[in-house]
Amino acid sequence: MRGDLGWRLDPAVTFLNHGSYGACPEPVLSVQRAWRDRLEAEPVRFLSGDLPSLLADARAAIGAFLGADPDGLAFIPNATTGVNTVLQSLHFEPGDELLTDDHEYNATINAMRAVAGRDGARVVIAAIPFPIAGPDDVLEAMLAAVTPRTRLVLVSHVTSPTALVFPVAELVAALASRGIDTLVDAAHALGMLPVAIDQLGAAYWTGNGHKWLCGPKGTALLWVREDRREAIHPLVVSHGANGPLAGRSRFRHEFDWVGTSDPTGSLTLPAVIEWMGREAAPDGGGWPALMAANHVLALAGRDVLRAVLGVEAPTPDAMLGSMAAVELPGVADEAAATALASALEREDRIQVPIGPWPVRAAQRDGVAPRILLRISAQRYNEPADYERLAAALRRRSAGG
């Protein structure tokens, strides 16, 4: 199916790691090449003259897909940049608390600690169980960790190490009722799950275009609610900080130009949305059918692994999207996990992530992390891919 749909992945590799960096189909890359040809034909006119209106058109198309006010969207290279942009723009008082949980991404927790250290605040990490019984476990753990000093909560829509779909809408609402803003790290949500940012009501939201949307690498979005935009600035200060507004907001000026870069990946995202919904979706069902098919395949792959590993499903089916994580019994530590992942890649030509949970930034002293294997399901995958992985794990556990 890879070649039929245009993915350029090595056919000799069983690629079960779409969740890390995504994969971009050739028809989408050809659209980006056309944008690059236009840019290189007249760089000054393109970057200094045409780009603002081109970005506005792209934001309008993406905003419609995300259910988001396009004026609040900014193009950025990745969701980690989005998280850092918000955190670095905000200022906290000594003793303030920044709340997150132990299913979060290592880089974003590091970013929280850096800002907390700068301002004399502290990072609080709520413990959420895994295996997990249901969404209420997330809500109870997070809200139990809220105190009068909680100023901001960072939470993933889909967690990276454990692949859980968190109840972000309910959590955002509960926190808002307590006067607390939420930064939603939706790195995996865009293209995996239905997204309606305006309805979500979070103060800040960031997601990748190069993962489940299947856009070019280095494409992502930051969205800021209208009443918070004035305080949020890009990490790079450039001409937009004092340029004439000419009917545009300062937020728009600052984020649309942070110095010379290649904007063609961002300009390609509307074409990604259209192409994936038309060509990659089964039976002409558009994005809902594409998301549903990936979900079903992820569950099937998880069950194949459960059978060979002899482990129970760690989460209800409804808390998974297009990824699933299972614990690997008998893998002692992170070094052993790295060695196993490398052997699978080198000897079996299987690309799949294996690593610790919690991640390093969330680990507690004296508590050893557990080792998880995470599979992804995208339209180029098929059931035989997971059978191949299961056979390799079975052979290795038997000493073969």
Protein backbone atom coordinates (compact mmCIF):
# COMPACT_ATOMS: atom_id res chain seq x y z
CA MET A 1 0.00 0.00 0.00
CA ARG A 2 2.97 2.34 0.45
CA GLY A 3 3.69 2.70 -3.24
CA ASP A 4 0.00 2.81 -4.20
CA LEU A 5 -0.55 5.86 -1.98
CA GLY A 6 2.75 7.52 -2.71
CA TRP A 7 4.74 7.10 0.50
CA ARG A 8 8.47 6.94 -0.13
CA LEU A 9 9.34 4.74 2.84
CA ASP A 10 11.97 2.04 2.28
CA PRO A 11 9.98 -1.07 1.27
CA ALA A 12 12.58 -3.26 2.98
CA VAL A 13 11.77 -1.72 6.39
CA THR A 14 8.67 -2.50 8.44
CA PHE A 15 7.93 1.03 9.58
CA LEU A 16 5.87 1.09 12.79
CA ASN A 17 7.03 4.48 14.02
CA HIS A 18 4.90 7.05 12.25
CA GLY A 19 4.39 8.71 15.63
CA SER A 20 7.95 10.00 15.90
CA TYR A 21 8.38 12.02 12.71
CA GLY A 22 5.52 11.05 10.44
CA ALA A 23 5.93 10.27 6.75
CA CYS A 24 5.04 12.53 3.84
CA PRO A 25 3.55 11.14 0.60
CA GLU A 26 5.20 11.97 -2.71
CA PRO A 27 2.18 13.90 -4.10
CA VAL A 28 2.42 16.24 -1.11
CA LEU A 29 6.16 16.64 -1.52
CA SER A 30 5.56 17.58 -5.16
CA VAL A 31 3.28 20.40 -4.03
CA GLN A 32 6.04 21.65 -1.75
CA ARG A 33 8.53 21.48 -4.61
CA ALA A 34 6.23 23.68 -6.67
CA TRP A 35 6.16 26.24 -3.87
CA ARG A 36 9.95 26.10 -3.65
CA ASP A 37 10.29 26.62 -7.39
CA ARG A 38 8.10 29.71 -7.11
CA LEU A 39 10.14 31.02 -4.18
CA GLU A 40 13.48 30.48 -5.92
CA ALA A 41 12.29 32.11 -9.14
CA GLU A 42 11.92 35.47 -7.37
CA PRO A 43 12.89 35.23 -3.68
CA VAL A 44 12.44 38.92 -2.83
CA ARG A 45 9.00 39.23 -4.34
CA PHE A 46 7.92 35.93 -2.77
CA LEU A 47 9.22 36.54 0.76
CA SER A 48 8.81 40.31 1.00
CA GLY A 49 5.72 40.77 -1.12
CA ASP A 50 3.59 37.67 -1.59
CA LEU A 51 4.15 35.76 1.63
CA PRO A 52 1.78 37.55 4.06
CA SER A 53 -1.26 36.92 1.87
CA LEU A 54 -0.16 33.37 1.11
CA LEU A 55 0.18 32.62 4.82
CA ALA A 56 -3.25 34.16 5.44
CA ASP A 57 -4.80 31.86 2.83
CA ALA A 58 -3.09 28.83 4.36
CA ARG A 59 -4.23 29.78 7.85
CA ALA A 60 -7.82 30.14 6.66
CA ALA A 61 -7.82 26.61 5.22
CA ILE A 62 -6.13 25.11 8.27
CA GLY A 63 -8.36 27.04 10.66
CA ALA A 64 -11.42 25.58 8.95
CA PHE A 65 -10.02 22.07 9.38
CA LEU A 66 -9.17 22.65 13.05
CA GLY A 67 -12.27 24.62 13.99
CA ALA A 68 -10.01 27.50 14.98
CA ASP A 69 -10.02 31.26 14.52
CA PRO A 70 -7.25 31.60 11.90
CA ASP A 71 -6.11 34.93 13.38
CA GLY A 72 -4.89 32.98 16.40
CA LEU A 73 -2.78 30.54 14.38
CA ALA A 74 0.96 30.88 13.94
CA PHE A 75 3.24 28.67 11.86
CA ILE A 76 6.14 27.18 13.81
CA PRO A 77 8.59 24.32 13.12
CA ASN A 78 7.37 21.84 15.77
CA ALA A 79 5.14 21.48 18.82
CA THR A 80 8.13 21.68 21.17
CA THR A 81 8.71 25.18 19.82
CA GLY A 82 5.05 25.94 20.47
CA VAL A 83 5.33 24.87 24.09
CA ASN A 84 8.53 26.87 24.55
CA THR A 85 7.00 29.93 22.89
CA VAL A 86 4.14 30.04 25.37
CA LEU A 87 6.26 29.25 28.41
CA GLN A 88 8.99 31.74 27.56
CA SER A 89 6.38 34.47 26.98
CA LEU A 90 4.77 34.02 30.38
CA HIS A 91 6.17 35.13 33.73
CA PHE A 92 5.56 33.59 37.12
CA GLU A 93 6.10 34.54 40.74
CA PRO A 94 8.33 32.69 43.22
CA GLY A 95 6.35 29.77 44.62
CA ASP A 96 3.96 29.54 41.64
CA GLU A 97 3.32 26.02 40.37
CA LEU A 98 3.33 24.73 36.81
CA LEU A 99 1.40 21.48 36.71
CA THR A 100 1.86 18.57 34.32
CA ASP A 101 1.84 14.76 34.57
CA ASP A 102 4.13 11.77 34.27
CA HIS A 103 2.90 10.76 30.80
CA GLU A 104 4.30 13.88 29.18
CA TYR A 105 7.09 14.38 26.67
CA ASN A 106 10.62 14.73 28.00
CA ALA A 107 11.38 17.93 26.06
CA THR A 108 8.27 19.78 27.22
CA ILE A 109 8.88 18.95 30.87
CA ASN A 110 12.44 20.23 30.42
CA ALA A 111 11.00 23.45 29.01
CA MET A 112 8.73 23.82 32.04
CA ARG A 113 11.64 23.30 34.42
CA ALA A 114 13.71 25.93 32.62
CA VAL A 115 11.01 28.58 32.95
CA ALA A 116 10.19 27.60 36.51
CA GLY A 117 13.88 27.89 37.41
CA ARG A 118 14.07 31.30 35.76
CA ASP A 119 11.19 32.69 37.83
CA GLY A 120 11.56 30.78 41.10
CA ALA A 121 8.45 28.72 40.40
CA ARG A 122 8.27 24.93 40.55
CA VAL A 123 7.02 22.11 38.35
CA VAL A 124 4.50 19.69 39.86
CA ILE A 125 4.12 16.29 38.18
CA ALA A 126 0.86 14.46 38.80
CA ALA A 127 1.07 10.65 38.81
CA ILE A 128 -1.43 9.04 36.44
CA PRO A 129 -1.65 5.24 36.48
CA PHE A 130 -0.64 2.96 33.62
CA PRO A 131 -2.37 0.58 33.07
CA ILE A 132 -5.32 2.92 33.33
CA ALA A 133 -9.00 2.17 33.89
CA GLY A 134 -10.42 5.16 32.04
CA PRO A 135 -10.44 8.93 31.51
CA ASP A 136 -11.63 9.61 35.06
CA ASP A 137 -8.22 8.45 36.32
CA VAL A 138 -6.65 11.33 34.40
CA LEU A 139 -9.10 13.93 35.65
CA GLU A 140 -8.87 12.80 39.27
CA ALA A 141 -5.06 12.74 39.32
CA MET A 142 -4.65 16.10 37.62
CA LEU A 143 -7.28 17.94 39.64
CA ALA A 144 -6.01 16.43 42.89
CA ALA A 145 -2.63 18.04 42.16
CA VAL A 146 -4.10 21.52 41.70
CA THR A 147 -3.35 23.95 44.54
CA PRO A 148 -3.96 27.67 45.11
CA ARG A 149 -0.51 28.27 43.58
CA THR A 150 -1.23 26.46 40.28
CA ARG A 151 -0.85 28.98 37.46
CA LEU A 152 -0.64 26.88 34.29
CA VAL A 153 -1.27 23.28 33.30
CA LEU A 154 0.50 21.55 30.41
CA VAL A 155 -1.23 18.39 29.19
CA SER A 156 -1.02 16.29 26.04
CA HIS A 157 -4.08 15.43 23.98
CA VAL A 158 -2.28 12.21 23.03
CA THR A 159 0.63 11.20 25.23
CA SER A 160 3.91 10.34 23.56
CA PRO A 161 5.32 7.49 25.73
CA THR A 162 2.01 5.77 26.55
CA ALA A 163 -0.12 6.71 23.49
CA LEU A 164 -3.14 7.60 25.63
CA VAL A 165 -5.88 9.92 24.46
CA PHE A 166 -6.48 12.22 27.42
CA PRO A 167 -9.86 13.85 28.16
CA VAL A 168 -8.56 17.33 27.37
CA ALA A 169 -11.94 19.00 26.89
CA GLU A 170 -13.14 17.96 30.34
CA LEU A 171 -9.82 18.87 31.91
CA VAL A 172 -9.66 22.30 30.26
CA ALA A 173 -13.19 23.07 31.46
CA ALA A 174 -12.49 21.92 35.01
CA LEU A 175 -9.31 23.98 35.19
CA ALA A 176 -10.97 27.05 33.67
CA SER A 177 -13.62 26.91 36.38
CA ARG A 178 -10.74 27.25 38.84
CA GLY A 179 -9.23 30.18 36.94
CA ILE A 180 -6.30 28.16 35.55
CA ASP A 181 -5.09 28.31 31.94
CA THR A 182 -4.22 25.16 30.00
CA LEU A 183 -1.54 24.65 27.36
CA VAL A 184 -2.58 21.65 25.25
CA ASP A 185 0.29 19.78 23.63
CA ALA A 186 -1.51 18.29 20.64
CA ALA A 187 1.65 17.10 18.90
CA HIS A 188 -0.06 13.84 17.91
CA ALA A 189 -3.69 14.95 17.73
CA LEU A 190 -3.66 16.82 14.41
CA GLY A 191 -4.64 14.20 11.84
CA MET A 192 -5.18 11.44 14.40
CA LEU A 193 -8.30 12.74 16.16
CA PRO A 194 -11.07 15.23 15.45
CA VAL A 195 -9.97 18.65 16.67
CA ALA A 196 -12.20 21.66 17.41
CA ILE A 197 -9.95 24.25 19.01
CA ASP A 198 -12.51 27.01 19.48
CA GLN A 199 -14.85 24.61 21.26
CA LEU A 200 -12.03 23.27 23.41
CA GLY A 201 -11.55 26.68 24.99
CA ALA A 202 -7.91 26.22 26.00
CA ALA A 203 -5.77 29.32 26.31
CA TYR A 204 -2.98 27.74 24.24
CA TRP A 205 -2.80 24.84 21.79
CA THR A 206 0.06 23.50 19.67
CA GLY A 207 0.21 20.61 17.22
CA ASN A 208 2.44 19.13 14.53
CA GLY A 209 1.66 19.06 10.84
CA HIS A 210 4.44 16.57 10.10
CA LYS A 211 3.12 13.69 12.19
CA TRP A 212 -0.41 12.35 11.64
CA LEU A 213 -1.37 15.05 9.17
CA CYS A 214 1.53 13.75 7.01
CA GLY A 215 2.83 17.18 6.10
CA PRO A 216 6.44 18.12 5.31
CA LYS A 217 8.95 17.95 8.15
CA GLY A 218 9.24 21.07 10.26
CA THR A 219 5.59 22.11 10.02
CA ALA A 220 3.55 22.82 13.12
CA LEU A 221 1.02 25.26 14.53
CA LEU A 222 0.55 27.34 17.64
CA TRP A 223 -2.88 28.71 18.47
CA VAL A 224 -3.49 31.32 21.13
CA ARG A 225 -6.91 32.37 22.39
CA GLU A 226 -7.76 35.97 21.53
CA ASP A 227 -7.62 37.26 25.11
CA ARG A 228 -4.09 35.84 25.54
CA ARG A 229 -2.47 36.86 22.24
CA GLU A 230 -1.06 40.18 23.37
CA ALA A 231 1.23 38.45 25.87
CA ILE A 232 2.61 35.75 23.54
CA HIS A 233 5.64 36.49 21.38
CA PRO A 234 7.84 34.33 19.13
CA LEU A 235 11.14 33.09 20.48
CA VAL A 236 12.91 35.22 17.84
CA VAL A 237 12.39 39.00 17.96
CA SER A 238 12.43 40.44 14.46
CA HIS A 239 10.99 43.26 12.34
CA GLY A 240 7.41 42.52 13.37
CA ALA A 241 8.04 43.84 16.86
CA ASN A 242 7.85 47.45 15.61
CA GLY A 243 6.60 47.27 12.04
CA PRO A 244 3.57 49.36 10.99
CA LEU A 245 0.43 47.36 11.70
CA ALA A 246 -1.41 48.30 8.49
CA GLY A 247 -4.57 46.61 9.71
CA ARG A 248 -2.85 43.52 11.09
CA SER A 249 -2.35 42.58 14.73
CA ARG A 250 1.02 42.70 16.44
CA PHE A 251 0.67 38.94 17.03
CA ARG A 252 0.29 38.44 13.29
CA HIS A 253 3.25 40.69 12.42
CA GLU A 254 5.59 39.05 14.91
CA PHE A 255 4.83 35.44 14.06
CA ASP A 256 4.62 35.83 10.28
CA TRP A 257 8.23 36.99 10.03
CA VAL A 258 10.96 35.75 12.36
CA GLY A 259 13.76 36.01 9.82
CA THR A 260 14.52 34.16 6.61
CA SER A 261 13.26 30.59 6.59
CA ASP A 262 11.61 28.18 4.18
CA PRO A 263 7.83 28.71 4.45
CA THR A 264 6.94 26.18 1.76
CA GLY A 265 6.15 23.36 4.20
CA SER A 266 3.58 25.53 5.98
CA LEU A 267 2.08 26.65 2.66
CA THR A 268 1.73 22.98 1.70
CA LEU A 269 -0.46 22.04 4.68
CA PRO A 270 -3.80 22.92 3.00
CA ALA A 271 -2.85 20.54 0.18
CA VAL A 272 -1.99 17.86 2.76
CA ILE A 273 -5.43 18.18 4.34
CA GLU A 274 -7.13 17.91 0.97
CA TRP A 275 -4.98 15.07 -0.42
CA MET A 276 -5.03 12.85 2.66
CA GLY A 277 -8.79 13.27 3.05
CA ARG A 278 -9.34 12.36 -0.58
CA GLU A 279 -6.66 9.81 -1.49
CA ALA A 280 -5.65 8.12 1.77
CA ALA A 281 -9.12 7.72 3.29
CA PRO A 282 -10.81 4.35 2.70
CA ASP A 283 -14.03 4.22 0.66
CA GLY A 284 -14.09 7.94 0.04
CA GLY A 285 -14.94 8.58 3.67
CA GLY A 286 -12.62 11.52 4.18
CA TRP A 287 -10.73 12.23 7.38
CA PRO A 288 -13.24 10.52 9.71
CA ALA A 289 -12.80 7.26 7.80
CA LEU A 290 -9.01 7.66 7.73
CA MET A 291 -8.84 8.22 11.49
CA ALA A 292 -11.19 5.29 12.16
CA ALA A 293 -9.18 2.91 9.96
CA ASN A 294 -5.93 3.81 11.68
CA HIS A 295 -7.57 3.33 15.09
CA VAL A 296 -8.85 -0.14 14.18
CA LEU A 297 -5.44 -1.16 12.86
CA ALA A 298 -3.66 0.13 15.98
CA LEU A 299 -5.96 -1.96 18.18
CA ALA A 300 -5.36 -5.04 16.04
CA GLY A 301 -1.60 -4.54 16.20
CA ARG A 302 -1.73 -4.10 19.95
CA ASP A 303 -3.67 -7.33 20.35
CA VAL A 304 -1.13 -9.24 18.25
CA LEU A 305 1.61 -8.02 20.56
CA ARG A 306 -0.39 -8.74 23.72
CA ALA A 307 -0.81 -12.32 22.65
CA VAL A 308 2.88 -12.92 22.07
CA LEU A 309 4.03 -10.99 25.15
CA GLY A 310 1.39 -12.41 27.49
CA VAL A 311 0.30 -9.01 28.80
CA GLU A 312 -3.11 -7.42 29.30
CA ALA A 313 -4.35 -4.37 27.43
CA PRO A 314 -3.15 -1.43 29.55
CA THR A 315 -5.95 0.92 28.51
CA PRO A 316 -9.53 0.89 27.24
CA ASP A 317 -9.82 0.91 23.46
CA ALA A 318 -11.54 4.29 23.53
CA MET A 319 -8.43 5.90 25.05
CA LEU A 320 -6.33 5.06 21.98
CA GLY A 321 -6.06 6.75 18.63
CA SER A 322 -3.60 5.56 15.97
CA MET A 323 -0.90 4.41 18.41
CA ALA A 324 -0.73 1.86 21.21
CA ALA A 325 1.87 1.09 23.85
CA VAL A 326 2.48 -2.19 25.68
CA GLU A 327 4.92 -3.09 28.42
CA LEU A 328 7.84 -5.32 27.50
CA PRO A 329 8.41 -7.90 30.23
CA GLY A 330 11.97 -8.97 30.75
CA VAL A 331 13.60 -5.78 29.41
CA ALA A 332 15.54 -4.59 32.41
CA ASP A 333 16.31 -0.94 31.79
CA GLU A 334 16.70 1.86 29.26
CA ALA A 335 20.02 0.52 28.00
CA ALA A 336 18.44 -2.86 27.28
CA ALA A 337 15.52 -1.11 25.58
CA THR A 338 17.86 0.82 23.31
CA ALA A 339 19.76 -2.35 22.48
CA LEU A 340 16.55 -4.20 21.60
CA ALA A 341 15.25 -1.39 19.38
CA SER A 342 18.61 -1.21 17.61
CA ALA A 343 18.68 -4.97 17.05
CA LEU A 344 15.15 -4.95 15.63
CA GLU A 345 16.12 -2.19 13.24
CA ARG A 346 19.48 -3.62 12.24
CA GLU A 347 18.72 -7.34 12.06
CA ASP A 348 14.97 -7.52 11.44
CA ARG A 349 14.53 -4.25 9.55
CA ILE A 350 11.72 -3.19 11.89
CA GLN A 351 11.51 0.42 13.00
CA VAL A 352 9.65 0.71 16.31
CA PRO A 353 10.32 2.84 19.42
CA ILE A 354 11.13 1.19 22.76
CA GLY A 355 11.84 3.31 25.80
CA PRO A 356 11.19 4.15 29.44
CA TRP A 357 8.03 5.35 31.06
CA PRO A 358 8.04 7.78 32.72
CA VAL A 359 10.54 9.68 30.61
CA ARG A 360 13.67 10.93 32.33
CA ALA A 361 12.28 14.36 33.21
CA ALA A 362 9.29 12.77 34.98
CA GLN A 363 11.04 9.95 36.82
CA ARG A 364 11.00 9.86 40.60
CA ASP A 365 14.08 9.09 42.64
CA GLY A 366 14.26 5.46 43.63
CA VAL A 367 11.47 4.35 41.26
CA ALA A 368 12.68 2.43 38.22
CA PRO A 369 10.90 3.25 34.96
CA ARG A 370 9.09 0.56 33.02
CA ILE A 371 9.95 -0.24 29.42
CA LEU A 372 7.23 0.27 26.80
CA LEU A 373 7.04 -0.53 23.11
CA ARG A 374 4.84 1.80 21.05
CA ILE A 375 3.37 0.94 17.67
CA SER A 376 1.81 3.30 15.16
CA ALA A 377 -0.81 2.63 12.48
CA GLN A 378 -0.96 4.66 9.29
CA ARG A 379 -2.52 3.84 5.93
CA TYR A 380 0.70 2.34 4.59
CA ASN A 381 0.67 -0.27 7.39
CA GLU A 382 -1.07 -3.65 7.29
CA PRO A 383 -1.72 -6.45 9.81
CA ALA A 384 1.28 -8.44 8.59
CA ASP A 385 3.58 -5.66 9.84
CA TYR A 386 2.60 -6.33 13.44
CA GLU A 387 2.80 -10.09 12.95
CA ARG A 388 6.36 -9.57 11.74
CA LEU A 389 7.21 -7.60 14.87
CA ALA A 390 5.56 -10.21 17.09
CA ALA A 391 7.54 -12.99 15.44
CA ALA A 392 10.80 -11.10 15.98
CA LEU A 393 10.01 -10.52 19.65
CA ARG A 394 9.01 -14.17 20.11
CA ARG A 395 12.24 -15.35 18.51
CA ARG A 396 14.35 -13.06 20.68
CA SER A 397 12.58 -14.03 23.90
CA ALA A 398 13.25 -17.66 23.05
CA GLY A 399 16.92 -16.90 22.58
CA GLY A 400 16.82 -17.43 18.81
